[in-house]
């Protein structure tokens, strides 16, 4: 039973949260992905309204002014991310459970708003060294943005105790099994 439930996976860039959420979406047909809005440029493999709602800074700020976001944050200078209230409503109208893959600060904002209706999971890398390796291996960053992501990730790790559960992503198979068990338990009536 969905009953306005939500699941949230947070963690620093490179922790594996996106892979986990994508797996859970395939495993549990009751889940629907909450598409975030962002001002960052669209990458070549991305689609508007599928991967993100790609907005101009002006449009994003207009939504802020009109209180259209459940949460939003300027994650990096000039790079805004947020969750539109209309996105949550869209998913609930489908009688689905909202699945989030969001920034740590945004995740805590969502957690504060939805309480027991939300399963909040923090995904930890096995070590800072492994996190650095994962981010470098992506090859999607300039040296400056990579440095900013690493610095932000190190800070975000300090937020882990504020979540309901922590999963340490040593091996993806074990991590996916652990995530499945948490979601199954949460979705039981």
Protein backbone atom coordinates (compact mmCIF):
# COMPACT_ATOMS: atom_id res chain seq x y z
CA UNK A 1 0.00 0.00 0.00
CA UNK A 2 1.44 3.37 -1.00
CA UNK A 3 -0.38 5.78 1.39
CA UNK A 4 1.74 8.78 0.40
CA UNK A 5 5.00 7.01 1.21
CA UNK A 6 8.42 8.09 0.01
CA UNK A 7 11.87 6.53 -0.10
CA UNK A 8 15.05 8.55 -0.17
CA UNK A 9 18.61 7.52 -0.96
CA UNK A 10 21.28 10.11 -0.29
CA UNK A 11 25.01 10.14 -0.25
CA UNK A 12 27.89 12.00 -1.78
CA UNK A 13 28.58 11.92 -5.51
CA UNK A 14 30.18 8.58 -6.30
CA UNK A 15 28.58 6.69 -3.41
CA UNK A 16 26.37 4.59 -5.70
CA UNK A 17 22.99 6.05 -4.75
CA UNK A 18 21.83 6.51 -8.35
CA UNK A 19 22.67 2.90 -9.24
CA UNK A 20 20.78 1.71 -6.14
CA UNK A 21 17.68 3.79 -6.92
CA UNK A 22 17.66 2.65 -10.56
CA UNK A 23 17.82 -0.98 -9.37
CA UNK A 24 14.99 -0.46 -6.88
CA UNK A 25 12.81 1.12 -9.57
CA UNK A 26 13.22 -2.03 -11.68
CA UNK A 27 12.64 -4.32 -8.67
CA UNK A 28 9.56 -2.65 -7.15
CA UNK A 29 6.90 -1.58 -9.66
CA UNK A 30 5.16 0.47 -6.95
CA UNK A 31 8.08 2.96 -6.97
CA UNK A 32 8.24 5.99 -9.26
CA UNK A 33 11.28 8.22 -9.64
CA UNK A 34 11.04 11.84 -8.53
CA UNK A 35 12.67 13.87 -11.28
CA UNK A 36 14.63 16.77 -9.83
CA UNK A 37 14.93 20.20 -11.38
CA UNK A 38 18.36 21.67 -12.06
CA UNK A 39 20.08 24.62 -13.69
CA UNK A 40 23.13 22.61 -14.72
CA UNK A 41 23.63 21.98 -18.44
CA UNK A 42 22.14 18.82 -19.92
CA UNK A 43 24.72 16.12 -20.69
CA UNK A 44 24.62 14.43 -24.11
CA UNK A 45 23.02 11.22 -22.79
CA UNK A 46 20.29 13.03 -20.79
CA UNK A 47 16.70 13.98 -21.62
CA UNK A 48 14.57 16.81 -20.24
CA UNK A 49 11.73 15.56 -17.96
CA UNK A 50 13.37 12.11 -17.81
CA UNK A 51 16.71 12.66 -16.09
CA UNK A 52 16.01 16.18 -14.80
CA UNK A 53 13.80 19.14 -15.47
CA UNK A 54 16.48 21.39 -16.97
CA UNK A 55 15.63 25.01 -16.11
CA UNK A 56 17.29 28.35 -16.64
CA UNK A 57 18.47 30.11 -13.49
CA UNK A 58 15.69 32.67 -14.04
CA UNK A 59 12.99 29.97 -14.25
CA UNK A 60 14.39 28.17 -11.21
CA UNK A 61 14.35 31.39 -9.17
CA UNK A 62 10.77 32.08 -10.29
CA UNK A 63 9.75 28.66 -8.90
CA UNK A 64 11.58 29.51 -5.64
CA UNK A 65 9.71 32.81 -5.38
CA UNK A 66 6.38 31.05 -5.95
CA UNK A 67 7.18 28.35 -3.33
CA UNK A 68 6.90 25.55 -5.91
CA UNK A 69 9.73 23.50 -4.37
CA UNK A 70 9.58 21.01 -1.51
CA UNK A 71 13.32 21.57 -1.22
CA UNK A 72 15.98 23.31 -3.24
CA UNK A 73 19.62 24.21 -2.87
CA UNK A 74 22.41 25.98 -4.67
CA UNK A 75 24.66 22.89 -4.60
CA UNK A 76 27.53 24.57 -6.43
CA UNK A 77 27.81 28.23 -7.36
CA UNK A 78 25.16 28.95 -10.00
CA UNK A 79 24.03 25.29 -9.98
CA UNK A 80 20.64 24.86 -8.39
CA UNK A 81 18.85 21.58 -7.71
CA UNK A 82 15.40 21.04 -6.24
CA UNK A 83 12.25 18.94 -5.99
CA UNK A 84 9.07 20.46 -7.35
CA UNK A 85 5.91 19.91 -5.30
CA UNK A 86 4.12 19.08 -8.55
CA UNK A 87 6.47 16.12 -9.05
CA UNK A 88 5.48 14.52 -5.73
CA UNK A 89 1.79 15.13 -6.48
CA UNK A 90 2.20 13.61 -9.98
CA UNK A 91 3.62 10.38 -8.50
CA UNK A 92 1.05 10.11 -5.71
CA UNK A 93 -1.75 10.56 -8.26
CA UNK A 94 -0.37 7.44 -9.96
CA UNK A 95 -0.78 5.65 -6.57
CA UNK A 96 2.98 5.09 -6.44
CA UNK A 97 5.67 5.53 -3.79
CA UNK A 98 8.00 8.45 -4.51
CA UNK A 99 11.67 7.44 -4.91
CA UNK A 100 14.28 10.16 -4.43
CA UNK A 101 17.94 10.30 -5.39
CA UNK A 102 18.90 13.75 -4.12
CA UNK A 103 21.67 15.79 -2.58
CA UNK A 104 22.28 15.22 1.14
CA UNK A 105 21.09 18.67 2.26
CA UNK A 106 17.96 18.34 0.14
CA UNK A 107 17.40 14.86 1.53
CA UNK A 108 17.47 16.15 5.09
CA UNK A 109 14.95 18.85 4.14
CA UNK A 110 12.64 16.18 2.71
CA UNK A 111 13.16 13.97 5.78
CA UNK A 112 12.16 16.85 8.07
CA UNK A 113 8.94 17.41 6.13
CA UNK A 114 7.66 13.85 5.77
CA UNK A 115 8.73 12.08 8.97
CA UNK A 116 7.53 8.46 9.25
CA UNK A 117 6.09 8.47 5.73
CA UNK A 118 9.69 8.54 4.46
CA UNK A 119 12.44 5.91 4.48
CA UNK A 120 15.72 7.89 4.51
CA UNK A 121 18.87 5.92 3.65
CA UNK A 122 22.41 7.29 3.51
CA UNK A 123 24.80 5.53 1.12
CA UNK A 124 28.42 5.57 2.33
CA UNK A 125 31.47 4.81 0.23
CA UNK A 126 33.79 2.24 1.84
CA UNK A 127 36.50 4.93 2.17
CA UNK A 128 37.39 8.43 1.04
CA UNK A 129 40.08 6.97 -1.21
CA UNK A 130 37.51 4.77 -2.96
CA UNK A 131 35.18 7.75 -3.34
CA UNK A 132 37.98 9.79 -4.96
CA UNK A 133 38.70 6.90 -7.35
CA UNK A 134 35.04 6.57 -8.34
CA UNK A 135 34.68 10.27 -9.04
CA UNK A 136 37.88 10.36 -11.11
CA UNK A 137 36.82 7.25 -13.05
CA UNK A 138 33.63 8.98 -14.23
CA UNK A 139 35.71 11.37 -16.36
CA UNK A 140 32.79 13.86 -16.42
CA UNK A 141 34.48 16.57 -14.38
CA UNK A 142 37.07 19.25 -14.90
CA UNK A 143 39.85 19.29 -12.28
CA UNK A 144 38.10 22.23 -10.59
CA UNK A 145 34.64 20.62 -10.45
CA UNK A 146 36.20 17.31 -9.33
CA UNK A 147 37.93 19.09 -6.48
CA UNK A 148 34.67 20.81 -5.51
CA UNK A 149 32.78 17.48 -5.58
CA UNK A 150 35.41 15.77 -3.41
CA UNK A 151 35.38 18.60 -0.88
CA UNK A 152 31.56 18.58 -0.76
CA UNK A 153 31.49 14.76 -0.46
CA UNK A 154 33.82 14.82 2.53
CA UNK A 155 31.51 17.31 4.25
CA UNK A 156 28.37 15.33 3.36
CA UNK A 157 29.71 12.19 5.04
CA UNK A 158 29.30 13.95 8.39
CA UNK A 159 25.49 13.95 7.86
CA UNK A 160 25.14 10.15 7.73
CA UNK A 161 23.97 9.71 11.37
CA UNK A 162 20.95 11.94 10.69
CA UNK A 163 19.39 9.34 8.36
CA UNK A 164 17.24 6.31 9.31
CA UNK A 165 19.71 3.78 7.88
CA UNK A 166 23.29 3.77 6.58
CA UNK A 167 24.43 1.38 3.86
CA UNK A 168 28.17 1.08 3.25
CA UNK A 169 28.61 0.41 -0.46
CA UNK A 170 31.57 -2.01 -0.49
CA UNK A 171 30.24 -4.31 -3.21
CA UNK A 172 27.25 -3.38 -5.32
CA UNK A 173 25.53 -6.80 -5.14
CA UNK A 174 25.54 -6.78 -1.33
CA UNK A 175 24.47 -3.12 -1.29
CA UNK A 176 21.54 -3.77 -3.65
CA UNK A 177 20.34 -6.69 -1.51
CA UNK A 178 20.52 -4.57 1.64
CA UNK A 179 18.60 -1.74 -0.06
CA UNK A 180 15.92 -4.19 -1.27
CA UNK A 181 15.39 -5.51 2.26
CA UNK A 182 15.01 -2.02 3.70
CA UNK A 183 12.46 -1.04 1.05
CA UNK A 184 10.48 -4.31 1.41
CA UNK A 185 10.23 -3.82 5.16
CA UNK A 186 9.18 -0.18 4.76
CA UNK A 187 6.50 -0.93 2.17
CA UNK A 188 4.79 -3.63 4.24
CA UNK A 189 1.42 -2.40 5.55
